[in-house]
Amino acid sequence: MRGLWIAMAGCSGVGREDSGTTDGSDSPPLTDPECADPVYFDATVRGKVTRDGAPAVGAEARLEERYWVPGTVHGSGITGDEGEYSFLATDMPIIEGCWGWITGFYIAAEQDGLYDDWGVNSSVTSAWTEGKDTIELDGIILELE
């Protein structure tokens, strides 16, 4: 557990003498000076949504980014007969050196007031580092509840 805290502190700026703020507070800076400039990429996102264990036909699925620019939707689509979606997500920010904490990618789905979401940072960054133009979310089935 202590190793996890040390790793988190190293990534967040906690424990650094110069926090990078100008207001005299001890808050860490919004971005780490070791982070690379963002690059943006596009990819097709594919996955599945279920409702009561059956395919959720006609549900909206979307890829959101909640930390870099909160509330940004990079793409969305409607599920088909098998509850599967496929849509183009555009302008996804990738910030080398700061993966996993400065961006917050989530796949979300909703229908008739039911909702589910799941964090997919590793899937997005892996697709980018591997040069893929498709993000397959086969292992993440959203269940509307």
Foldseek 3Di string as FASTA:
>chain_A
DVVVVVVVCVLQVNPPPCQPDDPPDNHHDLHDPPKAPKDFAKAKEKEFEAEPNAGDFFKKKWKAKDAQDHPDTQWIDTAHPRRMDIIMGTGDIDIPPNQPPRIWIKIKIDDPHWIWIDTDSVQVVVCVVVVHRYRYPHVDYHYTD
